[in-house]
Amino acid sequence: MDLFAMIHTPLIIFMVVVVPIWIIAHYTTRWKQTRSVSETDESMLGDLWESASRMEQRIINLEKILDAEVPGWREKE
């Protein structure tokens, strides 16, 4: 038996059986990792939530000031 035949058969079996299982396992793991929120993303979302709350409070205060100083400003367009 020559060297090519000795390498050829195990290589085909490896390519047909092991490689597809390996690829499926790899991308399944990646998919599960991307489904969860990392600690960095969670802290960033918390910061964004706090920032949005502060902005909302500022807008409310600005609307109160405008209501007091410029009555009917909402109807002007």
PDB file of N, CA and C in Angstrom:
ATOM      1  N   MET A   1       0.857  -1.176   0.000  1.00  0.00           N
ATOM      2  CA  MET A   1       0.000   0.000   0.000  1.00  0.00           C
ATOM      3  C   MET A   1       0.903   1.239   0.000  1.00  0.00           C
ATOM      4  N   ASP A   2       0.606   2.155  -0.854  1.00  0.00           N
ATOM      5  CA  ASP A   2       1.460   3.335  -0.931  1.00  0.00           C
ATOM      6  C   ASP A   2       1.041   4.392   0.108  1.00  0.00           C
ATOM      7  N   LEU A   3       1.858   5.381   0.260  1.00  0.00           N
ATOM      8  CA  LEU A   3       1.663   6.414   1.274  1.00  0.00           C
ATOM      9  C   LEU A   3       0.390   7.216   1.031  1.00  0.00           C
ATOM     10  N   PHE A   4       0.068   7.500  -0.222  1.00  0.00           N
ATOM     11  CA  PHE A   4      -1.121   8.288  -0.540  1.00  0.00           C
ATOM     12  C   PHE A   4      -2.395   7.591  -0.060  1.00  0.00           C
ATOM     13  N   ALA A   5      -2.497   6.297  -0.253  1.00  0.00           N
ATOM     14  CA  ALA A   5      -3.683   5.552   0.173  1.00  0.00           C
ATOM     15  C   ALA A   5      -3.773   5.509   1.699  1.00  0.00           C
ATOM     16  N   MET A   6      -2.657   5.460   2.375  1.00  0.00           N
ATOM     17  CA  MET A   6      -2.664   5.421   3.840  1.00  0.00           C
ATOM     18  C   MET A   6      -3.116   6.761   4.426  1.00  0.00           C
ATOM     19  N   ILE A   7      -2.809   7.849   3.759  1.00  0.00           N
ATOM     20  CA  ILE A   7      -3.205   9.178   4.240  1.00  0.00           C
ATOM     21  C   ILE A   7      -4.590   9.553   3.724  1.00  0.00           C
ATOM     22  N   HIS A   8      -4.937   9.121   2.545  1.00  0.00           N
ATOM     23  CA  HIS A   8      -6.167   9.516   1.872  1.00  0.00           C
ATOM     24  C   HIS A   8      -7.419   9.087   2.638  1.00  0.00           C
ATOM     25  N   THR A   9      -7.510   7.850   3.054  1.00  0.00           N
ATOM     26  CA  THR A   9      -8.708   7.330   3.724  1.00  0.00           C
ATOM     27  C   THR A   9      -8.953   8.008   5.076  1.00  0.00           C
ATOM     28  N   PRO A  10      -7.978   8.087   5.974  1.00  0.00           N
ATOM     29  CA  PRO A  10      -8.249   8.792   7.244  1.00  0.00           C
ATOM     30  C   PRO A  10      -8.587  10.272   7.050  1.00  0.00           C
ATOM     31  N   LEU A  11      -7.989  10.890   6.044  1.00  0.00           N
ATOM     32  CA  LEU A  11      -8.270  12.294   5.768  1.00  0.00           C
ATOM     33  C   LEU A  11      -9.719  12.487   5.327  1.00  0.00           C
ATOM     34  N   ILE A  12     -10.214  11.613   4.481  1.00  0.00           N
ATOM     35  CA  ILE A  12     -11.607  11.702   4.037  1.00  0.00           C
ATOM     36  C   ILE A  12     -12.552  11.471   5.210  1.00  0.00           C
ATOM     37  N   ILE A  13     -12.263  10.488   6.044  1.00  0.00           N
ATOM     38  CA  ILE A  13     -13.108  10.229   7.218  1.00  0.00           C
ATOM     39  C   ILE A  13     -13.094  11.443   8.155  1.00  0.00           C
ATOM     40  N   PHE A  14     -11.928  12.027   8.354  1.00  0.00           N
ATOM     41  CA  PHE A  14     -11.819  13.223   9.197  1.00  0.00           C
ATOM     42  C   PHE A  14     -12.651  14.367   8.628  1.00  0.00           C
ATOM     43  N   MET A  15     -12.546  14.583   7.329  1.00  0.00           N
ATOM     44  CA  MET A  15     -13.275  15.677   6.681  1.00  0.00           C
ATOM     45  C   MET A  15     -14.787  15.467   6.692  1.00  0.00           C
ATOM     46  N   VAL A  16     -15.225  14.230   6.594  1.00  0.00           N
ATOM     47  CA  VAL A  16     -16.658  13.949   6.514  1.00  0.00           C
ATOM     48  C   VAL A  16     -17.302  13.885   7.899  1.00  0.00           C
ATOM     49  N   VAL A  17     -16.580  13.420   8.910  1.00  0.00           N
ATOM     50  CA  VAL A  17     -17.190  13.212  10.226  1.00  0.00           C
ATOM     51  C   VAL A  17     -16.789  14.306  11.213  1.00  0.00           C
ATOM     52  N   VAL A  18     -15.510  14.515  11.392  1.00  0.00           N
ATOM     53  CA  VAL A  18     -15.024  15.380  12.468  1.00  0.00           C
ATOM     54  C   VAL A  18     -15.226  16.861  12.151  1.00  0.00           C
ATOM     55  N   VAL A  19     -14.891  17.295  10.962  1.00  0.00           N
ATOM     56  CA  VAL A  19     -14.954  18.718  10.621  1.00  0.00           C
ATOM     57  C   VAL A  19     -16.375  19.276  10.721  1.00  0.00           C
ATOM     58  N   PRO A  20     -17.413  18.610  10.182  1.00  0.00           N
ATOM     59  CA  PRO A  20     -18.763  19.172  10.352  1.00  0.00           C
ATOM     60  C   PRO A  20     -19.199  19.270  11.811  1.00  0.00           C
ATOM     61  N   ILE A  21     -18.874  18.256  12.618  1.00  0.00           N
ATOM     62  CA  ILE A  21     -19.222  18.305  14.040  1.00  0.00           C
ATOM     63  C   ILE A  21     -18.476  19.458  14.714  1.00  0.00           C
ATOM     64  N   TRP A  22     -17.232  19.632  14.377  1.00  0.00           N
ATOM     65  CA  TRP A  22     -16.420  20.700  14.936  1.00  0.00           C
ATOM     66  C   TRP A  22     -16.998  22.073  14.566  1.00  0.00           C
ATOM     67  N   ILE A  23     -17.364  22.259  13.315  1.00  0.00           N
ATOM     68  CA  ILE A  23     -17.931  23.537  12.859  1.00  0.00           C
ATOM     69  C   ILE A  23     -19.265  23.815  13.555  1.00  0.00           C
ATOM     70  N   ILE A  24     -20.120  22.811  13.639  1.00  0.00           N
ATOM     71  CA  ILE A  24     -21.417  22.992  14.303  1.00  0.00           C
ATOM     72  C   ILE A  24     -21.221  23.347  15.769  1.00  0.00           C
ATOM     73  N   ALA A  25     -20.321  22.666  16.447  1.00  0.00           N
ATOM     74  CA  ALA A  25     -20.065  22.946  17.860  1.00  0.00           C
ATOM     75  C   ALA A  25     -19.492  24.358  18.037  1.00  0.00           C
ATOM     76  N   HIS A  26     -18.612  24.763  17.141  1.00  0.00           N
ATOM     77  CA  HIS A  26     -18.007  26.091  17.223  1.00  0.00           C
ATOM     78  C   HIS A  26     -19.060  27.189  17.099  1.00  0.00           C
ATOM     79  N   TYR A  27     -19.900  27.101  16.061  1.00  0.00           N
ATOM     80  CA  TYR A  27     -20.884  28.156  15.840  1.00  0.00           C
ATOM     81  C   TYR A  27     -22.028  28.100  16.845  1.00  0.00           C
ATOM     82  N   THR A  28     -22.328  26.941  17.392  1.00  0.00           N
ATOM     83  CA  THR A  28     -23.320  26.860  18.465  1.00  0.00           C
ATOM     84  C   THR A  28     -22.813  27.586  19.696  1.00  0.00           C
ATOM     85  N   THR A  29     -21.556  27.399  20.016  1.00  0.00           N
ATOM     86  CA  THR A  29     -20.959  28.093  21.156  1.00  0.00           C
ATOM     87  C   THR A  29     -20.967  29.596  20.928  1.00  0.00           C
ATOM     88  N   ARG A  30     -20.595  30.038  19.748  1.00  0.00           N
ATOM     89  CA  ARG A  30     -20.595  31.469  19.426  1.00  0.00           C
ATOM     90  C   ARG A  30     -22.001  32.049  19.530  1.00  0.00           C
ATOM     91  N   TRP A  31     -22.990  31.317  19.050  1.00  0.00           N
ATOM     92  CA  TRP A  31     -24.376  31.774  19.077  1.00  0.00           C
ATOM     93  C   TRP A  31     -24.855  31.937  20.517  1.00  0.00           C
ATOM     94  N   LYS A  32     -24.501  30.995  21.371  1.00  0.00           N
ATOM     95  CA  LYS A  32     -24.907  31.083  22.776  1.00  0.00           C
ATOM     96  C   LYS A  32     -24.218  32.249  23.477  1.00  0.00           C
ATOM     97  N   GLN A  33     -22.980  32.543  23.116  1.00  0.00           N
ATOM     98  CA  GLN A  33     -22.272  33.665  23.719  1.00  0.00           C
ATOM     99  C   GLN A  33     -22.888  34.994  23.305  1.00  0.00           C
ATOM    100  N   THR A  34     -23.325  35.109  22.082  1.00  0.00           N
ATOM    101  CA  THR A  34     -23.887  36.372  21.621  1.00  0.00           C
ATOM    102  C   THR A  34     -25.305  36.577  22.129  1.00  0.00           C
ATOM    103  N   ARG A  35     -25.986  35.531  22.542  1.00  0.00           N
ATOM    104  CA  ARG A  35     -27.341  35.679  23.076  1.00  0.00           C
ATOM    105  C   ARG A  35     -27.342  36.312  24.448  1.00  0.00           C
ATOM    106  N   SER A  36     -26.289  36.140  25.212  1.00  0.00           N
ATOM    107  CA  SER A  36     -26.243  36.696  26.557  1.00  0.00           C
ATOM    108  C   SER A  36     -25.615  38.088  26.524  1.00  0.00           C
ATOM    109  N   VAL A  37     -25.951  38.898  27.513  1.00  0.00           N
ATOM    110  CA  VAL A  37     -25.418  40.248  27.611  1.00  0.00           C
ATOM    111  C   VAL A  37     -24.176  40.204  28.499  1.00  0.00           C
ATOM    112  N   SER A  38     -23.089  40.746  27.999  1.00  0.00           N
ATOM    113  CA  SER A  38     -21.845  40.749  28.769  1.00  0.00           C
ATOM    114  C   SER A  38     -21.919  41.812  29.865  1.00  0.00           C
ATOM    115  N   GLU A  39     -20.992  41.746  30.811  1.00  0.00           N
ATOM    116  CA  GLU A  39     -20.957  42.713  31.909  1.00  0.00           C
ATOM    117  C   GLU A  39     -20.704  44.121  31.377  1.00  0.00           C
ATOM    118  N   THR A  40     -19.867  44.237  30.371  1.00  0.00           N
ATOM    119  CA  THR A  40     -19.582  45.539  29.771  1.00  0.00           C
ATOM    120  C   THR A  40     -20.838  46.126  29.143  1.00  0.00           C
ATOM    121  N   ASP A  41     -21.562  45.287  28.385  1.00  0.00           N
ATOM    122  CA  ASP A  41     -22.797  45.752  27.763  1.00  0.00           C
ATOM    123  C   ASP A  41     -23.831  46.131  28.815  1.00  0.00           C
ATOM    124  N   GLU A  42     -23.888  45.359  29.884  1.00  0.00           N
ATOM    125  CA  GLU A  42     -24.856  45.639  30.942  1.00  0.00           C
ATOM    126  C   GLU A  42     -24.547  46.967  31.626  1.00  0.00           C
ATOM    127  N   SER A  43     -23.279  47.236  31.902  1.00  0.00           N
ATOM    128  CA  SER A  43     -22.926  48.515  32.532  1.00  0.00           C
ATOM    129  C   SER A  43     -23.173  49.671  31.568  1.00  0.00           C
ATOM    130  N   MET A  44     -22.917  49.453  30.279  1.00  0.00           N
ATOM    131  CA  MET A  44     -23.176  50.495  29.292  1.00  0.00           C
ATOM    132  C   MET A  44     -24.670  50.797  29.202  1.00  0.00           C
ATOM    133  N   LEU A  45     -25.494  49.762  29.236  1.00  0.00           N
ATOM    134  CA  LEU A  45     -26.944  49.963  29.216  1.00  0.00           C
ATOM    135  C   LEU A  45     -27.405  50.706  30.466  1.00  0.00           C
ATOM    136  N   GLY A  46     -26.818  50.404  31.611  1.00  0.00           N
ATOM    137  CA  GLY A  46     -27.152  51.118  32.837  1.00  0.00           C
ATOM    138  C   GLY A  46     -26.797  52.592  32.742  1.00  0.00           C
ATOM    139  N   ASP A  47     -25.621  52.878  32.187  1.00  0.00           N
ATOM    140  CA  ASP A  47     -25.206  54.273  32.007  1.00  0.00           C
ATOM    141  C   ASP A  47     -26.146  55.004  31.050  1.00  0.00           C
ATOM    142  N   LEU A  48     -26.528  54.336  29.964  1.00  0.00           N
ATOM    143  CA  LEU A  48     -27.453  54.947  29.013  1.00  0.00           C
ATOM    144  C   LEU A  48     -28.815  55.198  29.650  1.00  0.00           C
ATOM    145  N   TRP A  49     -29.263  54.269  30.491  1.00  0.00           N
ATOM    146  CA  TRP A  49     -30.546  54.435  31.170  1.00  0.00           C
ATOM    147  C   TRP A  49     -30.502  55.649  32.107  1.00  0.00           C
ATOM    148  N   GLU A  50     -29.422  55.786  32.859  1.00  0.00           N
ATOM    149  CA  GLU A  50     -29.275  56.941  33.748  1.00  0.00           C
ATOM    150  C   GLU A  50     -29.214  58.238  32.963  1.00  0.00           C
ATOM    151  N   SER A  51     -28.493  58.227  31.861  1.00  0.00           N
ATOM    152  CA  SER A  51     -28.379  59.418  31.020  1.00  0.00           C
ATOM    153  C   SER A  51     -29.738  59.799  30.437  1.00  0.00           C
ATOM    154  N   ALA A  52     -30.499  58.806  29.986  1.00  0.00           N
ATOM    155  CA  ALA A  52     -31.832  59.083  29.444  1.00  0.00           C
ATOM    156  C   ALA A  52     -32.748  59.637  30.525  1.00  0.00           C
ATOM    157  N   SER A  53     -32.651  59.135  31.734  1.00  0.00           N
ATOM    158  CA  SER A  53     -33.471  59.645  32.838  1.00  0.00           C
ATOM    159  C   SER A  53     -33.123  61.103  33.144  1.00  0.00           C
ATOM    160  N   ARG A  54     -31.821  61.427  33.148  1.00  0.00           N
ATOM    161  CA  ARG A  54     -31.410  62.816  33.395  1.00  0.00           C
ATOM    162  C   ARG A  54     -31.906  63.727  32.275  1.00  0.00           C
ATOM    163  N   MET A  55     -31.794  63.275  31.019  1.00  0.00           N
ATOM    164  CA  MET A  55     -32.271  64.077  29.898  1.00  0.00           C
ATOM    165  C   MET A  55     -33.776  64.299  29.979  1.00  0.00           C
ATOM    166  N   GLU A  56     -34.505  63.252  30.346  1.00  0.00           N
ATOM    167  CA  GLU A  56     -35.955  63.380  30.472  1.00  0.00           C
ATOM    168  C   GLU A  56     -36.300  64.424  31.540  1.00  0.00           C
ATOM    169  N   GLN A  57     -35.589  64.409  32.653  1.00  0.00           N
ATOM    170  CA  GLN A  57     -35.842  65.388  33.717  1.00  0.00           C
ATOM    171  C   GLN A  57     -35.510  66.796  33.240  1.00  0.00           C
ATOM    172  N   ARG A  58     -34.443  66.947  32.486  1.00  0.00           N
ATOM    173  CA  ARG A  58     -34.086  68.265  31.943  1.00  0.00           C
ATOM    174  C   ARG A  58     -35.144  68.779  30.987  1.00  0.00           C
ATOM    175  N   ILE A  59     -35.659  67.912  30.133  1.00  0.00           N
ATOM    176  CA  ILE A  59     -36.704  68.310  29.184  1.00  0.00           C
ATOM    177  C   ILE A  59     -37.957  68.739  29.937  1.00  0.00           C
ATOM    178  N   ILE A  60     -38.317  68.014  30.968  1.00  0.00           N
ATOM    179  CA  ILE A  60     -39.480  68.378  31.775  1.00  0.00           C
ATOM    180  C   ILE A  60     -39.280  69.755  32.400  1.00  0.00           C
ATOM    181  N   ASN A  61     -38.080  70.002  32.935  1.00  0.00           N
ATOM    182  CA  ASN A  61     -37.788  71.312  33.532  1.00  0.00           C
ATOM    183  C   ASN A  61     -37.830  72.422  32.487  1.00  0.00           C
ATOM    184  N   LEU A  62     -37.272  72.171  31.309  1.00  0.00           N
ATOM    185  CA  LEU A  62     -37.313  73.174  30.241  1.00  0.00           C
ATOM    186  C   LEU A  62     -38.747  73.471  29.814  1.00  0.00           C
ATOM    187  N   GLU A  63     -39.577  72.442  29.727  1.00  0.00           N
ATOM    188  CA  GLU A  63     -40.973  72.656  29.365  1.00  0.00           C
ATOM    189  C   GLU A  63     -41.699  73.468  30.431  1.00  0.00           C
ATOM    190  N   LYS A  64     -41.380  73.236  31.706  1.00  0.00           N
ATOM    191  CA  LYS A  64     -41.982  74.033  32.781  1.00  0.00           C
ATOM    192  C   LYS A  64     -41.575  75.497  32.660  1.00  0.00           C
ATOM    193  N   ILE A  65     -40.297  75.742  32.362  1.00  0.00           N
ATOM    194  CA  ILE A  65     -39.818  77.114  32.201  1.00  0.00           C
ATOM    195  C   ILE A  65     -40.512  77.774  31.020  1.00  0.00           C
ATOM    196  N   LEU A  66     -40.598  77.060  29.900  1.00  0.00           N
ATOM    197  CA  LEU A  66     -41.267  77.624  28.723  1.00  0.00           C
ATOM    198  C   LEU A  66     -42.748  77.869  28.984  1.00  0.00           C
ATOM    199  N   ASP A  67     -43.395  76.961  29.698  1.00  0.00           N
ATOM    200  CA  ASP A  67     -44.810  77.158  30.027  1.00  0.00           C
ATOM    201  C   ASP A  67     -44.998  78.426  30.850  1.00  0.00           C
ATOM    202  N   ALA A  68     -44.064  78.709  31.759  1.00  0.00           N
ATOM    203  CA  ALA A  68     -44.176  79.888  32.610  1.00  0.00           C
ATOM    204  C   ALA A  68     -43.837  81.172  31.855  1.00  0.00           C
ATOM    205  N   GLU A  69     -42.824  81.112  30.992  1.00  0.00           N
ATOM    206  CA  GLU A  69     -42.363  82.336  30.329  1.00  0.00           C
ATOM    207  C   GLU A  69     -43.028  82.592  28.984  1.00  0.00           C
ATOM    208  N   VAL A  70     -43.389  81.556  28.258  1.00  0.00           N
ATOM    209  CA  VAL A  70     -43.980  81.719  26.926  1.00  0.00           C
ATOM    210  C   VAL A  70     -45.234  80.849  26.843  1.00  0.00           C
ATOM    211  N   PRO A  71     -46.349  81.353  27.361  1.00  0.00           N
ATOM    212  CA  PRO A  71     -47.562  80.553  27.297  1.00  0.00           C
ATOM    213  C   PRO A  71     -47.972  80.293  25.846  1.00  0.00           C
ATOM    214  N   GLY A  72     -48.439  79.102  25.568  1.00  0.00           N
ATOM    215  CA  GLY A  72     -48.886  78.742  24.226  1.00  0.00           C
ATOM    216  C   GLY A  72     -47.774  78.389  23.266  1.00  0.00           C
ATOM    217  N   TRP A  73     -46.566  78.174  23.753  1.00  0.00           N
ATOM    218  CA  TRP A  73     -45.453  77.825  22.871  1.00  0.00           C
ATOM    219  C   TRP A  73     -45.641  76.470  22.187  1.00  0.00           C
ATOM    220  N   ARG A  74     -46.427  75.615  22.788  1.00  0.00           N
ATOM    221  CA  ARG A  74     -46.641  74.286  22.200  1.00  0.00           C
ATOM    222  C   ARG A  74     -47.498  74.350  20.937  1.00  0.00           C
ATOM    223  N   GLU A  75     -48.379  75.327  20.852  1.00  0.00           N
ATOM    224  CA  GLU A  75     -49.265  75.428  19.704  1.00  0.00           C
ATOM    225  C   GLU A  75     -48.596  76.128  18.523  1.00  0.00           C
ATOM    226  N   LYS A  76     -47.466  76.781  18.734  1.00  0.00           N
ATOM    227  CA  LYS A  76     -46.767  77.501  17.671  1.00  0.00           C
ATOM    228  C   LYS A  76     -45.962  76.514  16.812  1.00  0.00           C
ATOM    229  N   GLU A  77     -46.321  76.457  15.552  1.00  0.00           N
ATOM    230  CA  GLU A  77     -45.556  75.613  14.611  1.00  0.00           C
ATOM    231  C   GLU A  77     -45.583  76.198  13.248  1.00  0.00           C
TER     232      GLU A  77
END
